[in-house]
């Protein structure tokens, strides 16, 4: 199965970690029960065991073409018990930020309602839409890494449609879409503390500010 560029990059990072480990400790690159078990114990001393579990999935995906038996080694009782033991031994208390709630989103939108700056309007649009449409960050922004940039995933501004009591946007495709048809996302009026008409007004203000910034950059480039 073809991998997304982001997944491919993560899997390559895991593979590089395994290859570096093998070379450092004089072990063959070809996967074995011992090499996987040693890799698990060694890597768990630096990162969370759950992350090592994810690393193993990436390693198997990258090496499967050259070593078809790699997944059977990954499932070997010794490897599985080694990983389970590291998870029990290295388990740490989960530390995370408090989750955002509807009141937080409404407060952010209210604070930016009278701010005409480009960044403030864009932040409010990304925050509110991403929260209520359950979007990933990668589906809301344009990545800096050129290899990950794709118009197949970005939500285009022209897909924004104002409807009676709601507005909609089109998500072209996503990781769980097998046919790549995308989904139309509908956000109801007042979902995040502002009427849909106010959202449309903020969108127009943001568009006007975007055009203004583009014109200023163009004029500045000419003068230089």
Protein backbone atom coordinates (compact mmCIF):
# COMPACT_ATOMS: atom_id res chain seq x y z
CA UNK A 1 0.00 0.00 0.00
CA UNK A 2 1.33 3.46 -0.95
CA UNK A 3 2.32 5.65 1.99
CA UNK A 4 1.64 9.33 2.43
CA UNK A 5 4.78 11.52 2.25
CA UNK A 6 4.47 12.37 5.95
CA UNK A 7 4.25 8.71 6.96
CA UNK A 8 7.13 7.84 4.66
CA UNK A 9 9.31 10.48 6.31
CA UNK A 10 8.47 9.17 9.79
CA UNK A 11 9.17 5.57 8.77
CA UNK A 12 12.50 6.58 7.22
CA UNK A 13 13.49 8.26 10.49
CA UNK A 14 12.70 5.05 12.39
CA UNK A 15 14.72 3.00 9.91
CA UNK A 16 17.72 5.33 10.25
CA UNK A 17 17.51 4.90 14.01
CA UNK A 18 17.62 1.10 13.66
CA UNK A 19 20.49 1.14 11.15
CA UNK A 20 22.52 3.48 13.38
CA UNK A 21 21.93 1.16 16.34
CA UNK A 22 23.05 -1.91 14.39
CA UNK A 23 26.19 -0.23 13.09
CA UNK A 24 27.08 1.17 16.50
CA UNK A 25 26.81 -2.23 18.19
CA UNK A 26 28.22 -4.32 15.35
CA UNK A 27 24.95 -6.11 14.56
CA UNK A 28 23.78 -7.14 11.07
CA UNK A 29 21.10 -4.98 9.45
CA UNK A 30 19.05 -8.07 8.66
CA UNK A 31 16.29 -8.25 11.31
CA UNK A 32 16.45 -11.00 13.90
CA UNK A 33 14.82 -11.71 17.24
CA UNK A 34 17.98 -10.65 19.03
CA UNK A 35 18.55 -7.43 17.08
CA UNK A 36 14.94 -6.31 17.57
CA UNK A 37 15.00 -7.18 21.27
CA UNK A 38 18.31 -5.39 21.84
CA UNK A 39 17.06 -2.38 19.85
CA UNK A 40 13.92 -2.17 22.00
CA UNK A 41 15.83 -2.24 25.29
CA UNK A 42 18.43 0.26 24.08
CA UNK A 43 15.96 2.75 22.57
CA UNK A 44 13.58 2.61 25.53
CA UNK A 45 16.35 4.15 27.63
CA UNK A 46 15.94 7.37 25.62
CA UNK A 47 12.30 7.58 24.49
CA UNK A 48 8.91 6.30 25.58
CA UNK A 49 8.28 2.57 24.94
CA UNK A 50 5.07 3.45 23.08
CA UNK A 51 7.17 5.43 20.63
CA UNK A 52 9.49 2.47 20.18
CA UNK A 53 6.44 0.38 19.27
CA UNK A 54 5.65 2.92 16.56
CA UNK A 55 9.28 2.86 15.41
CA UNK A 56 9.09 -0.91 14.93
CA UNK A 57 6.08 -0.51 12.64
CA UNK A 58 8.03 1.92 10.50
CA UNK A 59 11.09 -0.31 10.45
CA UNK A 60 9.02 -3.29 9.33
CA UNK A 61 7.38 -1.25 6.59
CA UNK A 62 10.75 -0.11 5.22
CA UNK A 63 12.53 -3.48 5.44
CA UNK A 64 9.70 -5.74 4.29
CA UNK A 65 10.76 -5.51 0.64
CA UNK A 66 14.27 -6.81 1.37
CA UNK A 67 13.43 -9.06 4.32
CA UNK A 68 9.91 -10.56 3.88
CA UNK A 69 10.13 -12.29 7.26
CA UNK A 70 10.52 -9.04 9.22
CA UNK A 71 6.90 -8.93 10.40
CA UNK A 72 7.04 -12.47 11.74
CA UNK A 73 10.12 -11.43 13.74
CA UNK A 74 8.25 -8.36 14.99
CA UNK A 75 5.48 -10.68 16.28
CA UNK A 76 7.88 -13.22 17.82
CA UNK A 77 7.05 -13.91 21.51
CA UNK A 78 10.50 -12.81 22.67
CA UNK A 79 10.23 -9.45 20.88
CA UNK A 80 6.66 -8.92 22.05
CA UNK A 81 7.52 -9.76 25.67
CA UNK A 82 10.61 -7.53 25.58
CA UNK A 83 8.51 -4.59 24.46
CA UNK A 84 5.77 -5.37 27.00
CA UNK A 85 8.37 -5.52 29.78
CA UNK A 86 9.84 -2.17 28.76
CA UNK A 87 6.38 -0.63 28.75
CA UNK A 88 5.74 -1.85 32.30
CA UNK A 89 9.14 -0.80 33.54
CA UNK A 90 9.26 2.56 31.80
CA UNK A 91 5.66 3.64 32.22
CA UNK A 92 5.42 7.28 33.23
CA UNK A 93 2.61 9.46 34.39
CA UNK A 94 0.79 11.05 31.47
CA UNK A 95 1.29 14.81 31.39
CA UNK A 96 -0.82 16.83 28.99
CA UNK A 97 -2.38 20.24 28.63
CA UNK A 98 -6.01 20.79 29.52
CA UNK A 99 -8.24 20.27 26.48
CA UNK A 100 -9.87 23.21 24.78
CA UNK A 101 -13.59 23.62 25.32
CA UNK A 102 -16.34 25.57 23.57
CA UNK A 103 -15.96 28.51 25.96
CA UNK A 104 -12.26 28.82 25.06
CA UNK A 105 -13.06 28.94 21.35
CA UNK A 106 -15.85 31.49 21.86
CA UNK A 107 -13.54 33.68 23.95
CA UNK A 108 -10.83 33.62 21.28
CA UNK A 109 -13.31 34.51 18.53
CA UNK A 110 -14.79 37.33 20.60
CA UNK A 111 -11.37 38.83 21.30
CA UNK A 112 -10.51 38.87 17.59
CA UNK A 113 -13.94 40.06 16.39
CA UNK A 114 -12.81 43.71 16.36
CA UNK A 115 -9.22 43.05 15.28
CA UNK A 116 -8.67 43.68 11.58
CA UNK A 117 -5.13 42.30 11.48
CA UNK A 118 -4.48 39.45 9.07
CA UNK A 119 -2.93 37.13 11.65
CA UNK A 120 -5.73 37.59 14.21
CA UNK A 121 -8.49 36.82 11.72
CA UNK A 122 -6.61 33.84 10.30
CA UNK A 123 -5.93 32.47 13.78
CA UNK A 124 -9.61 32.72 14.76
CA UNK A 125 -10.70 31.00 11.53
CA UNK A 126 -8.20 28.14 11.91
CA UNK A 127 -8.90 27.65 15.61
CA UNK A 128 -12.68 27.60 15.42
CA UNK A 129 -12.99 25.62 12.20
CA UNK A 130 -10.38 23.05 13.22
CA UNK A 131 -11.94 22.56 16.65
CA UNK A 132 -15.51 21.96 15.50
CA UNK A 133 -14.70 20.10 12.28
CA UNK A 134 -12.21 17.81 14.10
CA UNK A 135 -9.44 18.66 11.64
CA UNK A 136 -5.78 17.82 12.05
CA UNK A 137 -3.25 20.65 12.07
CA UNK A 138 -1.81 19.34 8.80
CA UNK A 139 -5.22 19.83 7.17
CA UNK A 140 -5.38 23.48 8.20
CA UNK A 141 -1.95 24.84 7.31
CA UNK A 142 0.55 24.71 4.43
CA UNK A 143 3.60 22.69 5.58
CA UNK A 144 7.09 24.21 5.39
CA UNK A 145 8.57 20.96 4.09
CA UNK A 146 8.30 21.09 0.30
CA UNK A 147 7.90 17.32 -0.10
CA UNK A 148 4.80 17.40 2.12
CA UNK A 149 3.07 20.23 0.24
CA UNK A 150 0.08 19.01 -1.75
CA UNK A 151 -3.04 20.75 -3.05
CA UNK A 152 -4.83 17.42 -2.74
CA UNK A 153 -4.97 17.98 1.03
CA UNK A 154 -5.27 21.72 1.49
CA UNK A 155 -8.71 23.28 2.08
CA UNK A 156 -9.11 25.91 -0.63
CA UNK A 157 -10.65 29.26 0.26
CA UNK A 158 -13.03 29.07 -2.69
CA UNK A 159 -14.63 25.95 -1.19
CA UNK A 160 -16.07 28.09 1.63
CA UNK A 161 -19.86 28.31 1.21
CA UNK A 162 -22.25 30.26 3.42
CA UNK A 163 -25.54 28.42 3.94
CA UNK A 164 -28.68 29.33 5.89
CA UNK A 165 -27.65 28.80 9.51
CA UNK A 166 -24.25 27.26 8.72
CA UNK A 167 -21.21 27.27 6.46
CA UNK A 168 -19.32 24.49 4.73
CA UNK A 169 -15.79 23.78 3.48
CA UNK A 170 -14.39 20.97 1.36
CA UNK A 171 -11.64 18.71 2.67
CA UNK A 172 -10.25 17.27 -0.61
CA UNK A 173 -8.72 14.12 0.90
CA UNK A 174 -7.30 12.76 4.14
CA UNK A 175 -5.41 9.79 5.54
CA UNK A 176 -8.49 7.62 6.11
CA UNK A 177 -9.98 8.31 2.66
CA UNK A 178 -9.28 5.28 0.48
CA UNK A 179 -10.87 6.62 -2.72
CA UNK A 180 -9.71 10.23 -2.35
CA UNK A 181 -13.13 11.81 -2.90
CA UNK A 182 -12.91 14.12 0.09
CA UNK A 183 -15.64 15.30 2.43
CA UNK A 184 -17.81 18.37 2.73
CA UNK A 185 -17.70 19.64 6.31
CA UNK A 186 -20.69 21.54 7.69
CA UNK A 187 -20.39 23.83 10.72
CA UNK A 188 -23.65 25.04 12.25
CA UNK A 189 -24.56 28.63 13.13
CA UNK A 190 -23.36 29.63 16.59
CA UNK A 191 -21.28 26.49 17.02
CA UNK A 192 -18.31 28.43 18.26
CA UNK A 193 -20.00 31.45 19.78
CA UNK A 194 -20.41 33.53 16.61
CA UNK A 195 -23.26 33.52 14.06
CA UNK A 196 -22.40 32.24 10.60
CA UNK A 197 -22.99 35.75 9.20
CA UNK A 198 -20.23 37.06 11.47
CA UNK A 199 -17.95 34.31 10.23
CA UNK A 200 -18.62 35.36 6.64
CA UNK A 201 -17.93 38.98 7.57
CA UNK A 202 -14.63 38.04 9.20
CA UNK A 203 -13.74 35.96 6.14
CA UNK A 204 -14.30 38.97 3.84
CA UNK A 205 -12.22 41.15 6.16
CA UNK A 206 -9.47 38.55 6.10
CA UNK A 207 -9.60 38.36 2.28
CA UNK A 208 -9.39 42.15 2.02
CA UNK A 209 -6.42 42.19 4.38
CA UNK A 210 -4.73 39.39 2.42
CA UNK A 211 -5.09 41.31 -0.85
CA UNK A 212 -3.74 44.43 0.85
CA UNK A 213 -0.67 42.56 2.12
CA UNK A 214 -0.06 41.07 -1.35
CA UNK A 215 -0.24 44.52 -2.97
CA UNK A 216 2.11 45.99 -0.37
CA UNK A 217 4.63 43.17 -0.94
CA UNK A 218 4.40 43.65 -4.72
CA UNK A 219 4.97 47.41 -4.51
CA UNK A 220 7.84 46.92 -2.09
CA UNK A 221 9.45 44.41 -4.46
CA UNK A 222 9.21 46.87 -7.36
CA UNK A 223 10.73 49.71 -5.34
CA UNK A 224 13.66 47.52 -4.38
